[in-house]
Amino acid sequence: MRWDWGTFLVGISLFILVSLGFASNPIVNTMFTADPAVLVYNDSLFVFTGHDEQGPEGANNKWFLMRDWHVFVTDDMENYHDYGAVLSPATFKWASGNAFAGHCEYANGKFYWYVAVTHKTIKEDEGFSIGVAVADHPSGPWKDAIGSALITDNTPNDIALNIDPAIYFDNGTVWMYWGSWNAARRVKLKSNMIELDGSVETVTASGFFEAPWIHYYRGQYYFSYASGYPSTTNYSISKNLAGPWTNKGILNPLLENSETNHQAIIKYLGHWYFIYHGANREGGWTYRRSVNIDYLFYDQDGNMQQINRTTTGVDKVNNALLSEGVYNLKVSHSNLLLEDNNGMVQQQTNQNNDQQLWELKPSEKNRRFYTLRNVKTKAFYCPSSTLLDTVRTSQNECEIRIENASVQKGYYLYSNYEDDFVGDILNISEEPGMPLITWVRTGADNQKIQFEYVRDIETLSLTIPKAGIKRIQWNSKTKIVSWEGVSSWALFDLSGRVISQAKGESANLNSVKPGCYFIRVGNHKKVISIAFEK
């Protein structure tokens, strides 16, 4: 969903537009931001952050100064729009201050934002409680959803520092995780999102310190969290959300000039992103942090690869859908074209032939899914989801997911979107004739395909000449249908799919496979049924 920013500027005086000319880290340079959480809604990515207002590093600045939260939104990973300070502890009449980390989720037609603040009166331990704000849109207005805290120091089996809430939906069940100072907890929420549904459970994961985040991938749950202090980001995996958790080690190493490490992980428009804070903006340090975004990759076994932190950030993506048409498919690393060579998809020099032309049509039912059909062979691009299999074409129609890799570099052709398997030129070779295979998404240019528009898909109108069509005849020996006059014709299979079409005084069907078909000439009322024997 694209917002009409002009309308918002008129209607919401506090709306602030932050346009960063080029994608870079940190993503915001007008203020210090921290503790990111993310949410995808209507094809836009919303980033919820805390706001560090502490001064420069010095003897008198020894604690976090955080008085509000901001929401940023992007639909291209380059330009971020700031709705401003849309929420503060003042929203909760029972809270005294400290706008610590939060997490927002969408449910029941509304947005619920879980945040950690200090309580005015309940201070059995550190005095932090978890409140819930609700709104119809991330821009607000936000209000207290309960009128009291969801978790306090008086909650049975709470922890000394009730901070860093994280929400996870698991097969219709809503869980809230939180934790700090080496203690993690979780509790089930009722479907209304604002009541506990059972007792608080202890979560055990090796090296846990704070900042829990849960996501799911390839049949496993991934539990990432800050570990130690100063903190790295570590992660553990399990087949069961209740554990036990297997430690997989460090995901994001220690940060320079920042003792804390806080992450969010999400898949958006085909990419996995790692969102975290650091102290890499000028003047930054432990209490003046900034949110960054870099890519997250998995290996063939599903292990998350250690984050490559960058100053350049991630590539700009195109949120728009591809348009129907005939395209050349150019591999970004080799500048060679994909062609159908006897059923195998491989890269080749530009031969200016129909084997290198592909008809692309958007799916009528599945958003961001398409059919790719070779103009010459009439076969469909139908990759296997088995790693290292060569990509082949098939006479049977199939749909594939296509997502923009980057505005400059092209698109990923997915063989399995959920498992991140894409088309990949074998051995990153630049040689003509090398096949396309199925491999895990690595972000390399040999997986990025540029769609170069050639023309519209040709459609032949089935109109008869003024004189009309007479004496349509079928010769079963020569496999030729003939008629008097020149007219368009179309051959259909039993499902109504067009197998072949052209224009002329006859239709030579010798190349058609054995089976049952129908042929219509012009708009003649008579449809001839044809059966080819093996």
Protein backbone atom coordinates (compact mmCIF):
# COMPACT_ATOMS: atom_id res chain seq x y z
CA MET A 1 0.00 0.00 0.00
CA ARG A 2 1.38 3.40 -0.99
CA TRP A 3 0.41 6.36 1.13
CA ASP A 4 -0.61 9.74 -0.22
CA TRP A 5 1.90 11.70 1.84
CA GLY A 6 0.39 15.02 0.86
CA THR A 7 -2.92 14.02 2.37
CA PHE A 8 -1.21 12.95 5.57
CA LEU A 9 0.71 16.21 5.80
CA VAL A 10 -2.53 18.14 5.60
CA GLY A 11 -4.35 15.92 8.07
CA ILE A 12 -1.58 15.22 10.58
CA SER A 13 0.51 18.20 11.54
CA LEU A 14 3.06 16.08 13.41
CA PHE A 15 3.91 13.94 10.38
CA ILE A 16 7.59 14.28 9.47
CA LEU A 17 9.08 13.19 6.14
CA VAL A 18 12.63 11.85 6.28
CA SER A 19 14.00 11.21 2.80
CA LEU A 20 17.47 9.71 2.68
CA GLY A 21 18.76 10.17 -0.86
CA PHE A 22 20.55 6.82 -0.85
CA ALA A 23 20.19 3.71 1.28
CA SER A 24 22.85 3.74 3.99
CA ASN A 25 23.52 2.90 7.62
CA PRO A 26 22.28 4.18 9.95
CA ILE A 27 18.87 4.55 8.30
CA VAL A 28 18.10 7.77 10.23
CA ASN A 29 20.62 10.58 10.62
CA THR A 30 18.38 13.28 12.08
CA MET A 31 18.19 11.76 15.56
CA PHE A 32 19.47 8.84 17.64
CA THR A 33 17.26 5.74 17.47
CA ALA A 34 17.45 2.40 19.30
CA ASP A 35 15.75 -0.91 20.14
CA PRO A 36 14.14 -1.58 16.74
CA ALA A 37 11.08 -3.73 16.15
CA VAL A 38 9.56 -4.27 12.71
CA LEU A 39 6.22 -5.13 11.13
CA VAL A 40 5.19 -5.73 7.51
CA TYR A 41 1.73 -4.43 6.69
CA ASN A 42 0.19 -3.89 3.22
CA ASP A 43 3.56 -4.27 1.48
CA SER A 44 5.19 -1.59 3.63
CA LEU A 45 7.83 -2.11 6.32
CA PHE A 46 7.24 -0.27 9.60
CA VAL A 47 10.18 0.26 11.95
CA PHE A 48 9.33 1.04 15.60
CA THR A 49 12.19 2.60 17.55
CA GLY A 50 13.12 4.14 20.84
CA HIS A 51 14.67 7.62 20.89
CA ASP A 52 18.03 8.19 22.60
CA GLU A 53 18.31 11.78 23.87
CA GLN A 54 21.36 11.44 26.10
CA GLY A 55 24.19 13.92 25.57
CA PRO A 56 27.77 13.25 24.43
CA GLU A 57 29.87 10.73 26.27
CA GLY A 58 30.91 12.16 29.62
CA ALA A 59 31.11 11.65 33.35
CA ASN A 60 27.59 12.94 34.00
CA ASN A 61 25.83 10.89 31.31
CA LYS A 62 25.64 7.40 32.72
CA TRP A 63 22.13 6.21 31.90
CA PHE A 64 19.63 5.98 29.04
CA LEU A 65 17.54 9.09 28.43
CA MET A 66 14.53 7.86 26.45
CA ARG A 67 11.24 9.77 26.53
CA ASP A 68 9.28 8.68 23.43
CA TRP A 69 9.00 6.24 20.55
CA HIS A 70 9.01 6.87 16.80
CA VAL A 71 7.58 4.97 13.82
CA PHE A 72 9.26 4.95 10.42
CA VAL A 73 7.84 3.42 7.23
CA THR A 74 9.38 2.45 3.89
CA ASP A 75 8.30 0.61 0.78
CA ASP A 76 11.65 0.60 -1.02
CA MET A 77 14.29 0.18 1.76
CA GLU A 78 15.84 3.50 0.80
CA ASN A 79 13.41 6.25 1.80
CA TYR A 80 12.05 6.26 5.36
CA HIS A 81 9.14 8.41 6.45
CA ASP A 82 8.99 9.41 10.13
CA TYR A 83 5.56 9.78 11.70
CA GLY A 84 7.22 11.55 14.61
CA ALA A 85 7.06 10.89 18.35
CA VAL A 86 3.71 9.08 18.24
CA LEU A 87 3.90 7.42 21.69
CA SER A 88 5.39 8.28 25.08
CA PRO A 89 5.12 7.01 28.68
CA ALA A 90 2.63 9.83 29.29
CA THR A 91 0.11 7.75 27.30
CA PHE A 92 -0.02 5.45 30.32
CA LYS A 93 -1.32 7.31 33.38
CA TRP A 94 0.17 4.65 35.66
CA ALA A 95 3.69 5.07 34.19
CA SER A 96 6.37 7.49 35.38
CA GLY A 97 8.73 7.45 32.38
CA ASN A 98 11.56 5.61 30.55
CA ALA A 99 10.51 4.69 27.00
CA PHE A 100 12.37 1.39 26.69
CA ALA A 101 12.17 -1.24 23.94
CA GLY A 102 8.82 -2.33 22.51
CA HIS A 103 7.22 -4.50 19.85
CA CYS A 104 4.13 -3.84 17.70
CA GLU A 105 1.86 -6.43 16.07
CA TYR A 106 -1.37 -6.34 14.06
CA ALA A 107 -4.42 -8.28 15.23
CA ASN A 108 -8.21 -7.95 15.24
CA GLY A 109 -8.04 -5.03 12.81
CA LYS A 110 -5.84 -2.95 15.13
CA PHE A 111 -2.20 -2.41 16.04
CA TYR A 112 -0.96 -3.34 19.52
CA TRP A 113 2.31 -1.87 20.77
CA TYR A 114 3.89 -3.53 23.81
CA VAL A 115 6.40 -1.28 25.58
CA ALA A 116 8.51 -1.26 28.75
CA VAL A 117 8.15 1.73 31.10
CA THR A 118 8.68 2.39 34.80
CA HIS A 119 5.63 2.12 37.05
CA LYS A 120 4.65 4.98 39.36
CA THR A 121 3.81 2.82 42.33
CA ILE A 122 4.76 -0.84 41.78
CA LYS A 123 8.50 -1.04 42.41
CA GLU A 124 9.22 -4.37 44.07
CA ASP A 125 12.34 -4.85 41.90
CA GLU A 126 13.54 -2.40 39.23
CA GLY A 127 10.06 -0.94 38.81
CA PHE A 128 9.71 -1.71 35.08
CA SER A 129 6.35 -2.84 33.73
CA ILE A 130 5.00 -3.73 30.30
CA GLY A 131 2.08 -1.73 28.95
CA VAL A 132 0.01 -2.07 25.78
CA ALA A 133 -1.02 0.78 23.48
CA VAL A 134 -3.56 0.36 20.68
CA ALA A 135 -4.24 2.28 17.46
CA ASP A 136 -5.95 1.90 14.10
CA HIS A 137 -2.71 2.69 12.28
CA PRO A 138 0.98 2.85 13.24
CA SER A 139 0.86 6.63 12.90
CA GLY A 140 -1.61 6.73 15.78
CA PRO A 141 -3.28 8.17 17.67
CA TRP A 142 -2.24 5.65 20.32
CA LYS A 143 -4.07 5.09 23.60
CA ASP A 144 -3.63 2.84 26.61
CA ALA A 145 -5.35 -0.43 25.66
CA ILE A 146 -5.88 -1.61 29.25
CA GLY A 147 -5.66 1.32 31.66
CA SER A 148 -3.10 -0.58 33.73
CA ALA A 149 0.09 -2.57 33.14
CA LEU A 150 0.03 -6.03 31.57
CA ILE A 151 3.17 -7.18 33.46
CA THR A 152 4.52 -5.65 36.69
CA ASP A 153 6.91 -6.51 39.52
CA ASN A 154 3.89 -8.12 41.22
CA THR A 155 3.26 -10.60 38.38
CA PRO A 156 4.05 -14.15 39.60
CA ASN A 157 7.32 -15.47 38.14
CA ASP A 158 8.26 -12.09 36.69
CA ILE A 159 11.89 -10.97 36.57
CA ALA A 160 13.87 -8.17 38.15
CA LEU A 161 13.83 -6.09 34.96
CA ASN A 162 10.60 -6.52 32.96
CA ILE A 163 11.75 -5.10 29.63
CA ASP A 164 12.09 -5.99 25.93
CA PRO A 165 8.67 -7.50 25.12
CA ALA A 166 8.39 -9.46 21.86
CA ILE A 167 5.19 -10.91 20.40
CA TYR A 168 5.02 -14.13 18.39
CA PHE A 169 1.98 -15.76 16.72
CA ASP A 170 2.19 -19.55 16.61
CA ASN A 171 -0.66 -21.40 14.89
CA GLY A 172 -3.31 -19.12 16.32
CA THR A 173 -1.71 -18.80 19.76
CA VAL A 174 -0.24 -15.46 20.82
CA TRP A 175 2.89 -15.48 22.98
CA MET A 176 4.72 -12.61 24.61
CA TYR A 177 8.42 -13.03 25.42
CA TRP A 178 10.49 -10.62 27.48
CA GLY A 179 13.60 -10.60 29.63
CA SER A 180 16.83 -9.04 30.89
CA TRP A 181 19.73 -9.72 33.24
CA ASN A 182 20.04 -13.35 32.11
CA ALA A 183 16.37 -14.19 32.73
CA ALA A 184 13.79 -14.85 30.00
CA ARG A 185 10.05 -15.33 30.34
CA ARG A 186 7.04 -15.98 28.14
CA VAL A 187 3.28 -15.97 28.64
CA LYS A 188 0.29 -16.80 26.48
CA LEU A 189 -2.07 -13.93 25.63
CA LYS A 190 -5.79 -14.13 25.01
CA SER A 191 -7.01 -13.37 21.50
CA ASN A 192 -7.95 -9.84 22.59
CA MET A 193 -4.17 -9.20 22.92
CA ILE A 194 -4.50 -7.43 26.29
CA GLU A 195 -5.02 -10.22 28.84
CA LEU A 196 -2.79 -13.02 30.07
CA ASP A 197 -4.02 -16.54 29.31
CA GLY A 198 -2.16 -18.66 31.83
CA SER A 199 0.87 -18.45 34.06
CA VAL A 200 4.27 -16.96 33.22
CA GLU A 201 6.77 -19.58 32.02
CA THR A 202 10.56 -19.58 32.37
CA VAL A 203 12.51 -19.79 29.10
CA THR A 204 15.95 -21.40 29.09
CA ALA A 205 18.41 -20.58 26.30
CA SER A 206 22.20 -20.69 26.47
CA GLY A 207 23.78 -17.28 26.98
CA PHE A 208 20.52 -15.33 27.10
CA PHE A 209 20.89 -11.80 28.48
CA GLU A 210 18.00 -9.74 27.02
CA ALA A 211 16.25 -8.62 23.78
CA PRO A 212 14.34 -11.79 22.75
CA TRP A 213 13.05 -12.20 19.19
CA ILE A 214 11.34 -15.26 17.67
CA HIS A 215 10.92 -16.19 14.00
CA TYR A 216 10.24 -19.37 12.02
CA TYR A 217 12.08 -20.78 9.00
CA ARG A 218 12.28 -24.16 7.24
CA GLY A 219 10.47 -26.07 9.97
CA GLN A 220 12.39 -24.60 12.91
CA TYR A 221 11.95 -21.82 15.45
CA TYR A 222 14.79 -19.32 15.76
CA PHE A 223 15.30 -17.58 19.10
CA SER A 224 17.71 -14.63 18.86
CA TYR A 225 18.76 -12.48 21.81
CA ALA A 226 21.48 -10.30 23.29
CA SER A 227 24.11 -12.41 25.04
CA GLY A 228 26.56 -11.27 27.71
CA TYR A 229 27.38 -7.68 28.58
CA PRO A 230 28.71 -5.92 26.58
CA SER A 231 26.44 -7.89 24.29
CA THR A 232 26.67 -9.92 21.13
CA THR A 233 23.53 -11.18 19.40
CA ASN A 234 23.36 -14.96 19.65
CA TYR A 235 20.69 -17.43 18.56
CA SER A 236 19.33 -20.87 19.31
CA ILE A 237 16.99 -23.14 17.34
CA SER A 238 14.31 -25.69 18.17
CA LYS A 239 11.64 -27.79 16.46
CA ASN A 240 9.31 -26.83 19.31
CA LEU A 241 8.52 -23.31 20.47
CA ALA A 242 8.65 -24.59 24.06
CA GLY A 243 12.22 -25.82 23.51
CA PRO A 244 14.65 -27.28 24.28
CA TRP A 245 16.81 -24.74 22.47
CA THR A 246 20.08 -25.66 20.75
CA ASN A 247 22.70 -22.93 20.90
CA LYS A 248 24.04 -21.90 17.47
CA GLY A 249 26.45 -19.20 18.59
CA ILE A 250 27.04 -15.58 17.62
CA LEU A 251 24.93 -13.92 14.93
CA ASN A 252 26.05 -10.30 15.41
CA PRO A 253 29.43 -9.66 17.10
CA LEU A 254 30.19 -6.97 19.67
CA LEU A 255 29.47 -3.44 18.51
CA GLU A 256 32.03 -0.68 18.55
CA ASN A 257 31.29 1.99 21.16
CA SER A 258 27.97 0.42 22.22
CA GLU A 259 27.55 -2.03 25.06
CA THR A 260 24.03 -3.14 24.05
CA ASN A 261 22.90 -5.23 21.08
CA HIS A 262 19.22 -5.34 20.13
CA GLN A 263 17.81 -6.95 16.98
CA ALA A 264 14.72 -7.64 14.89
CA ILE A 265 14.54 -10.17 12.05
CA ILE A 266 11.98 -10.21 9.25
CA LYS A 267 11.34 -11.28 5.66
CA TYR A 268 10.13 -8.46 3.42
CA LEU A 269 9.64 -8.55 -0.37
CA GLY A 270 11.73 -11.70 -0.68
CA HIS A 271 14.67 -10.56 1.45
CA TRP A 272 15.57 -11.47 5.02
CA TYR A 273 16.66 -8.38 6.93
CA PHE A 274 18.57 -7.98 10.19
CA ILE A 275 17.60 -4.74 11.94
CA TYR A 276 19.75 -3.66 14.88
CA HIS A 277 21.14 -0.64 16.68
CA GLY A 278 24.75 0.46 16.90
CA ALA A 279 26.67 3.61 17.81
CA ASN A 280 27.88 4.31 14.27
CA ARG A 281 26.38 7.77 13.81
CA GLU A 282 28.70 10.69 14.56
CA GLY A 283 28.56 11.40 18.29
CA GLY A 284 27.15 7.97 19.05
CA TRP A 285 28.00 5.83 22.06
CA THR A 286 26.31 3.39 24.45
CA TYR A 287 23.48 5.81 25.30
CA ARG A 288 23.23 7.43 21.82
CA ARG A 289 22.53 4.63 19.34
CA SER A 290 21.27 4.39 15.77
CA VAL A 291 19.21 1.79 13.90
CA ASN A 292 20.85 -0.05 11.00
CA ILE A 293 19.62 -2.63 8.48
CA ASP A 294 21.74 -5.30 6.79
CA TYR A 295 20.98 -8.54 4.99
CA LEU A 296 20.44 -11.86 6.75
CA PHE A 297 21.37 -15.08 4.92
CA TYR A 298 21.00 -18.79 5.70
CA ASP A 299 23.17 -21.64 4.47
CA GLN A 300 21.82 -24.82 2.87
CA ASP A 301 21.28 -26.36 6.31
CA GLY A 302 19.29 -23.41 7.63
CA ASN A 303 22.03 -21.91 9.80
CA MET A 304 21.97 -18.13 9.95
CA GLN A 305 25.20 -16.62 8.67
CA GLN A 306 27.04 -14.11 10.85
CA ILE A 307 25.89 -10.60 9.97
CA ASN A 308 28.08 -8.57 7.65
CA ARG A 309 27.62 -5.08 9.09
CA THR A 310 27.95 -2.38 6.43
CA THR A 311 27.90 1.39 6.08
CA THR A 312 26.10 1.13 2.73
CA GLY A 313 23.11 -0.80 4.07
CA VAL A 314 20.81 -2.74 1.75
CA ASP A 315 19.85 -2.18 -1.87
CA LYS A 316 16.80 -0.24 -2.91
CA VAL A 317 13.99 -2.55 -4.04
CA ASN A 318 11.05 -2.06 -6.36
CA ASN A 319 7.75 -2.73 -4.62
CA ALA A 320 5.75 -2.64 -7.88
CA LEU A 321 4.56 -5.80 -9.59
CA LEU A 322 6.00 -6.88 -12.94
CA SER A 323 3.81 -6.16 -15.97
CA GLU A 324 2.63 -8.73 -18.47
CA GLY A 325 4.78 -8.88 -21.58
CA VAL A 326 7.54 -10.60 -23.52
CA TYR A 327 11.00 -10.23 -21.95
CA ASN A 328 14.64 -11.11 -22.33
CA LEU A 329 15.97 -12.46 -19.02
CA LYS A 330 19.55 -11.24 -18.51
CA VAL A 331 21.75 -12.66 -15.74
CA SER A 332 23.30 -9.74 -13.86
CA HIS A 333 26.80 -11.14 -13.30
CA SER A 334 27.39 -12.37 -16.88
CA ASN A 335 25.09 -10.19 -19.03
CA LEU A 336 24.01 -13.40 -20.81
CA LEU A 337 20.41 -14.30 -21.61
CA LEU A 338 18.42 -17.24 -20.25
CA GLU A 339 17.18 -19.55 -22.98
CA ASP A 340 15.27 -22.82 -23.19
CA ASN A 341 17.71 -25.34 -24.68
CA ASN A 342 15.92 -28.66 -25.15
CA GLY A 343 14.11 -28.26 -21.85
CA MET A 344 17.09 -26.98 -19.86
CA VAL A 345 17.35 -23.33 -18.83
CA GLN A 346 20.88 -22.00 -19.37
CA GLN A 347 22.65 -18.73 -20.02
CA GLN A 348 23.71 -17.94 -23.56
CA THR A 349 25.01 -15.10 -25.69
CA ASN A 350 22.36 -13.00 -27.40
CA GLN A 351 21.26 -14.99 -30.45
CA ASN A 352 18.20 -12.82 -31.08
CA ASN A 353 15.95 -15.87 -31.26
CA ASP A 354 12.63 -16.86 -29.75
CA GLN A 355 14.28 -19.39 -27.42
CA GLN A 356 15.54 -16.37 -25.46
CA LEU A 357 12.13 -14.71 -25.27
CA TRP A 358 9.81 -15.37 -22.32
CA GLU A 359 6.15 -14.50 -21.91
CA LEU A 360 5.45 -13.29 -18.38
CA LYS A 361 1.92 -13.24 -16.99
CA PRO A 362 0.92 -12.34 -13.42
CA SER A 363 -1.08 -14.96 -11.54
CA GLU A 364 -4.78 -14.22 -11.25
CA LYS A 365 -4.93 -15.71 -7.74
CA ASN A 366 -1.52 -15.42 -6.08
CA ARG A 367 0.05 -12.00 -5.62
CA ARG A 368 3.70 -11.81 -6.75
CA PHE A 369 3.42 -15.16 -8.52
CA TYR A 370 3.78 -15.41 -12.29
CA THR A 371 4.01 -17.81 -15.22
CA LEU A 372 7.09 -17.69 -17.47
CA ARG A 373 6.55 -19.36 -20.85
CA ASN A 374 9.16 -19.64 -23.57
CA VAL A 375 8.02 -18.05 -26.84
CA LYS A 376 9.72 -20.67 -29.05
CA THR A 377 9.16 -23.92 -27.16
CA LYS A 378 5.85 -22.93 -25.49
CA ALA A 379 7.20 -24.61 -22.34
CA PHE A 380 6.94 -23.13 -18.85
CA TYR A 381 9.78 -22.25 -16.46
CA CYS A 382 9.17 -24.88 -13.75
CA PRO A 383 12.11 -25.28 -11.35
CA SER A 384 12.56 -28.08 -8.85
CA SER A 385 12.77 -27.11 -5.18
CA THR A 386 15.60 -29.60 -4.68
CA LEU A 387 18.97 -27.93 -4.18
CA LEU A 388 21.49 -28.33 -7.03
CA ASP A 389 18.84 -29.53 -9.49
CA THR A 390 19.05 -27.95 -12.94
CA VAL A 391 16.12 -25.71 -13.82
CA ARG A 392 14.02 -27.18 -16.61
CA THR A 393 10.94 -26.23 -18.58
CA SER A 394 7.70 -28.16 -18.75
CA GLN A 395 4.66 -28.35 -20.99
CA ASN A 396 2.62 -28.26 -17.79
CA GLU A 397 1.83 -24.76 -16.57
CA CYS A 398 3.27 -23.73 -13.21
CA GLU A 399 3.58 -20.49 -11.25
CA ILE A 400 6.73 -19.14 -9.62
CA ARG A 401 7.31 -16.34 -7.13
CA ILE A 402 9.38 -13.42 -8.45
CA GLU A 403 10.74 -10.71 -6.14
CA ASN A 404 12.92 -7.70 -6.85
CA ALA A 405 16.53 -8.29 -5.76
CA SER A 406 17.49 -4.65 -6.25
CA VAL A 407 16.48 -1.79 -8.51
CA GLN A 408 19.83 -1.96 -10.31
CA LYS A 409 20.42 -5.73 -10.40
CA GLY A 410 17.07 -7.36 -11.18
CA TYR A 411 14.90 -10.09 -9.68
CA TYR A 412 15.06 -13.43 -7.90
CA LEU A 413 13.25 -16.33 -9.58
CA TYR A 414 12.16 -18.46 -6.62
CA SER A 415 11.82 -22.21 -6.82
CA ASN A 416 10.72 -22.29 -3.17
CA TYR A 417 9.88 -18.93 -1.64
CA GLU A 418 9.42 -20.18 1.92
CA ASP A 419 12.81 -21.91 1.96
CA ASP A 420 14.65 -19.15 0.06
CA PHE A 421 15.62 -21.33 -2.94
CA VAL A 422 16.26 -19.39 -6.16
CA GLY A 423 17.68 -19.81 -9.66
CA ASP A 424 21.49 -19.67 -9.60
CA ILE A 425 24.05 -19.92 -12.42
CA LEU A 426 26.25 -22.90 -11.57
CA ASN A 427 29.68 -22.00 -10.17
CA ILE A 428 28.99 -18.28 -10.75
CA SER A 429 30.28 -18.99 -14.26
CA GLU A 430 30.28 -16.32 -16.97
CA GLU A 431 30.57 -18.95 -19.72
CA PRO A 432 27.73 -19.40 -22.25
CA GLY A 433 25.86 -22.67 -21.88
CA MET A 434 26.12 -22.89 -18.08
CA PRO A 435 22.82 -24.13 -16.60
CA LEU A 436 20.59 -22.44 -14.09
CA ILE A 437 20.29 -24.50 -10.91
CA THR A 438 18.31 -24.28 -7.67
CA TRP A 439 20.32 -22.97 -4.72
CA VAL A 440 19.86 -21.04 -1.47
CA ARG A 441 19.58 -17.27 -1.82
CA THR A 442 23.03 -15.77 -1.28
CA GLY A 443 22.47 -12.28 -2.69
CA ALA A 444 25.13 -12.82 -5.37
CA ASP A 445 24.63 -11.32 -8.84
CA ASN A 446 24.51 -14.75 -10.50
CA GLN A 447 21.09 -15.13 -8.85
CA LYS A 448 19.72 -11.80 -10.05
CA ILE A 449 17.80 -11.68 -13.32
CA GLN A 450 17.08 -8.45 -15.21
CA PHE A 451 13.76 -8.33 -17.04
CA GLU A 452 14.30 -6.45 -20.32
CA TYR A 453 10.97 -5.65 -21.95
CA VAL A 454 10.75 -6.59 -25.63
CA ARG A 455 7.10 -6.34 -26.62
CA ASP A 456 3.53 -7.06 -25.62
CA ILE A 457 2.33 -10.65 -25.73
CA GLU A 458 0.87 -11.26 -29.18
CA THR A 459 -2.81 -12.09 -29.19
CA LEU A 460 -4.48 -13.15 -32.42
CA SER A 461 -8.08 -12.06 -32.85
CA LEU A 462 -10.32 -14.88 -33.99
CA THR A 463 -12.23 -12.95 -36.63
CA ILE A 464 -13.30 -14.36 -40.01
CA PRO A 465 -12.83 -12.58 -43.33
CA LYS A 466 -15.88 -10.91 -44.86
CA ALA A 467 -16.32 -13.77 -47.30
CA GLY A 468 -16.57 -16.19 -44.39
CA ILE A 469 -14.85 -19.49 -43.75
CA LYS A 470 -15.97 -22.44 -45.80
CA ARG A 471 -15.30 -26.16 -45.86
CA ILE A 472 -13.05 -26.60 -42.80
CA GLN A 473 -11.36 -29.96 -43.37
CA TRP A 474 -9.16 -32.20 -41.20
CA ASN A 475 -6.71 -34.62 -42.83
CA SER A 476 -5.73 -37.17 -40.18
CA LYS A 477 -2.86 -38.54 -42.29
CA THR A 478 -1.05 -35.25 -42.92
CA LYS A 479 -2.29 -33.73 -39.64
CA ILE A 480 -3.31 -30.56 -41.44
CA VAL A 481 -6.52 -28.59 -40.98
CA SER A 482 -7.37 -26.52 -44.04
CA TRP A 483 -10.03 -24.05 -45.10
CA GLU A 484 -10.78 -21.55 -47.83
CA GLY A 485 -9.47 -18.05 -47.21
CA VAL A 486 -6.96 -16.62 -44.76
CA SER A 487 -7.96 -16.59 -41.11
CA SER A 488 -6.55 -16.79 -37.62
CA TRP A 489 -6.84 -20.13 -35.80
CA ALA A 490 -6.22 -21.53 -32.36
CA LEU A 491 -5.64 -25.03 -31.01
CA PHE A 492 -6.87 -25.79 -27.46
CA ASP A 493 -6.33 -28.70 -25.09
CA LEU A 494 -9.23 -30.17 -23.12
CA SER A 495 -8.74 -27.65 -20.30
CA GLY A 496 -9.17 -24.75 -22.73
CA ARG A 497 -5.49 -23.74 -22.71
CA VAL A 498 -4.17 -22.44 -26.05
CA ILE A 499 -1.50 -24.83 -27.36
CA SER A 500 -0.77 -23.09 -30.64
CA GLN A 501 -2.16 -20.24 -32.71
CA ALA A 502 -1.36 -18.52 -35.99
CA LYS A 503 -2.90 -17.09 -39.15
CA GLY A 504 -3.14 -18.58 -42.64
CA GLU A 505 -5.07 -20.92 -44.93
CA SER A 506 -4.24 -24.04 -42.93
CA ALA A 507 -2.90 -25.32 -39.62
CA ASN A 508 -0.07 -27.85 -39.65
CA LEU A 509 -0.28 -29.81 -36.40
CA ASN A 510 2.54 -32.32 -36.98
CA SER A 511 4.53 -31.00 -34.00
CA VAL A 512 1.63 -31.42 -31.57
CA LYS A 513 1.98 -34.23 -29.02
CA PRO A 514 -0.52 -37.15 -29.04
CA GLY A 515 -3.77 -36.34 -27.26
CA CYS A 516 -7.21 -34.80 -27.66
CA TYR A 517 -7.66 -31.20 -28.81
CA PHE A 518 -10.11 -28.68 -30.21
CA ILE A 519 -9.42 -26.25 -33.04
CA ARG A 520 -11.36 -23.11 -33.86
CA VAL A 521 -10.89 -21.18 -37.08
CA GLY A 522 -11.81 -17.50 -36.97
CA ASN A 523 -15.07 -17.04 -35.12
CA HIS A 524 -16.66 -19.91 -36.98
CA LYS A 525 -19.27 -21.55 -34.80
CA LYS A 526 -17.96 -25.00 -35.56
CA VAL A 527 -15.23 -26.31 -33.27
CA ILE A 528 -13.46 -29.41 -34.57
CA SER A 529 -12.32 -32.07 -32.12
CA ILE A 530 -9.07 -33.84 -32.99
CA ALA A 531 -7.45 -36.92 -31.51
CA PHE A 532 -3.80 -37.77 -32.21
CA GLU A 533 -2.77 -41.38 -31.66
CA LYS A 534 0.68 -42.34 -30.45
